[in-house]
Protein backbone atom coordinates (compact mmCIF):
# COMPACT_ATOMS: atom_id res chain seq x y z
CA MET A 1 62.34 105.67 75.57
CA SER A 2 65.58 104.64 77.24
CA ARG A 3 66.04 108.19 78.58
CA GLU A 4 62.63 107.93 80.31
CA ILE A 5 63.61 104.63 81.91
CA ILE A 6 66.86 106.16 83.18
CA THR A 7 64.98 109.18 84.55
CA ASP A 8 62.49 106.92 86.33
CA CYS A 9 65.27 104.82 87.86
CA LEU A 10 67.10 107.93 89.07
CA ALA A 11 63.88 109.25 90.62
CA PHE A 12 63.40 105.91 92.38
CA ILE A 13 66.95 106.08 93.76
CA ASP A 14 66.34 109.65 94.98
CA ALA A 15 63.12 108.54 96.68
CA LEU A 16 65.00 105.79 98.57
CA ALA A 17 67.84 108.08 99.70
CA PRO A 18 66.12 109.29 102.93
CA GLN A 19 65.36 105.72 104.06
CA ILE A 20 68.92 104.66 103.27
CA ASP A 21 70.30 107.61 105.25
CA ARG A 22 68.05 106.81 108.21
CA LEU A 23 69.09 103.14 108.26
CA ASP A 24 72.74 104.09 107.83
CA GLY A 25 72.43 106.37 110.87
CA GLU A 26 70.88 103.57 112.92
CA VAL A 27 73.69 101.20 111.98
CA ARG A 28 76.32 103.79 112.93
CA ALA A 29 74.57 104.46 116.26
CA ARG A 30 74.48 100.74 117.04
CA ALA A 31 78.16 100.42 116.14
CA LYS A 32 79.13 103.31 118.44
CA ALA A 33 77.17 101.81 121.34
CA ASP A 34 78.85 98.39 121.15
CA PRO A 35 82.34 98.23 122.74
CA ARG A 36 83.16 95.06 120.78
CA VAL A 37 82.90 97.04 117.53
CA ARG A 38 85.43 99.55 118.85
CA ILE A 39 87.81 96.70 119.65
CA LEU A 40 87.40 94.98 116.28
CA THR A 41 87.97 98.20 114.35
CA THR A 42 91.54 98.25 115.71
CA LEU A 43 92.29 95.44 113.24
CA PRO A 44 93.60 96.67 109.88
CA GLY A 45 90.93 96.68 107.19
CA VAL A 46 88.04 96.29 109.64
CA GLY A 47 85.53 99.14 109.80
CA GLN A 48 82.25 99.50 111.63
CA PHE A 49 80.18 97.62 109.06
CA THR A 50 82.67 94.75 108.89
CA ALA A 51 82.80 94.53 112.68
CA LEU A 52 78.99 94.46 112.94
CA VAL A 53 78.72 91.70 110.33
CA MET A 54 81.42 89.70 112.12
CA LEU A 55 79.61 90.04 115.46
CA ALA A 56 76.26 89.13 113.92
CA GLU A 57 77.61 86.05 112.18
CA ILE A 58 79.86 84.78 114.99
CA GLY A 59 77.40 85.41 117.79
CA ASP A 60 78.63 84.48 121.25
CA ILE A 61 82.39 83.97 121.10
CA THR A 62 82.29 81.48 123.98
CA ARG A 63 80.71 78.95 121.61
CA PHE A 64 84.19 78.31 120.25
CA ALA A 65 86.91 76.71 122.35
CA ASN A 66 89.72 78.29 120.35
CA ALA A 67 90.49 80.32 117.24
CA ARG A 68 91.09 77.21 115.13
CA LYS A 69 87.54 75.99 115.76
CA LEU A 70 86.15 79.40 114.83
CA ALA A 71 88.17 79.38 111.60
CA SER A 72 86.91 75.88 110.85
CA TRP A 73 83.31 76.95 111.52
CA ALA A 74 83.79 79.95 109.22
CA GLY A 75 85.02 77.66 106.43
CA LEU A 76 88.50 79.19 106.25
CA THR A 77 90.40 75.96 106.90
CA PRO A 78 91.65 73.68 104.12
CA THR A 79 89.92 70.43 103.38
CA VAL A 80 91.99 67.36 104.22
CA ARG A 81 91.81 64.12 102.28
CA GLY A 82 93.97 61.33 103.54
CA SER A 83 94.54 57.67 103.04
CA ASP A 84 97.11 55.70 105.01
CA LEU A 85 100.30 57.80 104.94
CA THR A 86 99.19 60.20 102.19
CA VAL A 87 97.54 63.44 103.26
CA ARG A 88 96.33 66.02 100.76
CA HIS A 89 95.22 69.51 101.69
CA GLY A 90 92.75 71.12 99.33
CA HIS A 91 90.84 74.35 99.00
CA ILE A 92 89.06 75.98 101.94
CA SER A 93 85.98 74.08 103.05
CA LYS A 94 83.48 76.99 102.74
CA GLN A 95 81.28 75.23 105.29
CA GLY A 96 80.37 78.24 107.41
CA SER A 97 78.84 81.63 106.88
CA PRO A 98 79.40 83.09 103.41
CA TRP A 99 78.82 86.59 104.82
CA LEU A 100 81.61 86.19 107.35
CA ARG A 101 84.02 84.91 104.69
CA TRP A 102 83.02 87.79 102.40
CA VAL A 103 83.62 90.57 104.94
CA LEU A 104 86.89 88.99 106.05
CA ASN A 105 88.02 88.74 102.44
CA GLN A 106 87.15 92.41 101.90
CA ALA A 107 89.03 93.37 105.07
CA ALA A 108 92.00 91.28 103.95
CA GLN A 109 92.20 93.30 100.72
CA THR A 110 93.17 96.30 102.85
CA ALA A 111 94.98 94.44 105.63
CA LYS A 112 97.44 92.78 103.24
CA ARG A 113 98.97 96.22 102.60
CA SER A 114 99.37 97.02 106.31
CA PRO A 115 102.80 96.55 107.92
CA GLU A 116 101.42 93.82 110.20
CA PHE A 117 100.47 91.51 107.33
CA SER A 118 102.46 92.67 104.28
CA ALA A 119 105.45 90.36 104.85
CA THR A 120 103.22 87.34 105.42
CA TYR A 121 101.15 88.19 102.35
CA ALA A 122 104.25 88.62 100.18
CA ALA A 123 105.76 85.30 101.30
CA ILE A 124 102.56 83.30 100.77
CA SER A 125 101.68 84.98 97.47
CA LYS A 126 105.15 84.25 96.10
CA ARG A 127 104.86 80.60 97.08
CA ARG A 128 101.14 79.84 96.55
CA GLY A 129 99.54 82.75 94.68
CA LYS A 130 97.71 85.97 95.51
CA LYS A 131 94.25 84.48 96.09
CA ILE A 132 95.48 81.90 98.57
CA ALA A 133 97.54 84.57 100.33
CA THR A 134 94.47 86.79 100.67
CA ILE A 135 92.50 83.93 102.23
CA ALA A 136 95.42 83.31 104.62
CA ILE A 137 95.25 86.96 105.70
CA SER A 138 91.48 86.56 106.17
CA ARG A 139 92.09 83.67 108.52
CA LYS A 140 94.73 85.64 110.43
CA LEU A 141 92.24 88.50 110.84
CA LEU A 142 89.62 86.07 112.15
CA THR A 143 92.12 84.56 114.57
CA ARG A 144 93.04 87.99 115.93
CA ALA A 145 89.36 88.91 116.15
CA TYR A 146 88.73 85.74 118.18
CA HIS A 147 91.47 86.62 120.66
CA LEU A 148 90.28 90.21 121.00
CA LEU A 149 86.66 89.15 121.56
CA ALA A 150 87.64 86.37 123.99
CA ALA A 151 89.75 88.81 126.02
CA THR A 152 86.85 91.25 126.08
CA GLN A 153 84.47 88.49 127.18
CA GLU A 154 86.80 87.49 130.01
CA SER A 155 87.30 91.08 131.21
CA THR A 156 83.53 91.71 131.41
CA PRO A 157 81.99 88.68 133.16
CA ALA A 158 78.27 88.15 132.86
CA THR A 159 76.12 89.48 135.69
CA SER A 160 74.07 86.31 135.91
CA ALA A 161 74.64 82.70 134.97
CA ASP A 162 71.87 82.59 132.37
CA THR A 163 72.47 85.56 130.03
CA THR A 164 72.45 83.60 126.80
CA GLY A 165 68.76 84.11 126.17
CA VAL A 166 68.25 80.39 125.71
CA THR A 167 65.56 79.01 127.95
CA LYS A 168 65.96 75.70 129.67
CA PRO A 169 63.17 73.13 129.44
CA ARG A 170 60.95 72.87 132.48
CA ALA A 171 60.83 69.63 134.40
CA SER A 172 57.12 69.29 133.60
CA SER A 173 57.82 69.37 129.86
CA LEU A 174 60.29 66.52 130.25
CA GLN A 175 57.69 64.41 132.03
CA ARG A 176 55.07 65.05 129.37
CA HIS A 177 56.65 62.68 126.86
CA GLU A 178 55.97 59.05 127.57
CA PRO A 179 57.35 56.03 125.76
CA ALA A 180 55.14 54.51 123.07
CA SER A 181 52.91 51.79 124.48
CA GLY A 182 51.54 50.36 121.25
CA ARG A 183 48.06 51.89 121.51
CA ALA A 184 46.89 55.39 120.75
CA ARG A 185 46.34 57.89 123.54
CA SER A 186 43.26 60.02 123.79
CA SER A 187 44.07 63.73 123.80
CA ASP A 188 40.80 64.80 125.54
């Protein structure tokens, strides 16, 4: 009986293989078409998939004034509890996107062995432990990604002032709302 279940599961996997290959091809085509992906893949540990997830989760880089605010939004900054003169730094806040933290953590697993980050990783892991050092490398990757994306954004200015896709409310919609007068209005 168990052999039949295994055979059925393998047949199901084989049936899904063409759809997986098609979607994988579409993802690769989208990655090749986006110049931001090419820039992000210059970071150690960041491949096409990681770059696409980062771009999807971050969105427009101009939303963030600096790299520190992006790291805070992503939940890669330590929590701070303070009272009077005592300040305690805790674990990362984990307030932002779990997908962004996950891909950055996966990229940091490779990046911590690169010459750019190996000395930093060794120093932090000796002092604070390997897990905290890996998260520190994740934050460094995110900081570098911010600077790369911000430089790209500055070098390619938008063609029009309103390219965000967000529509502004019309003046007539602002006039539609009236203050409450105490009696019900007829909607006829």
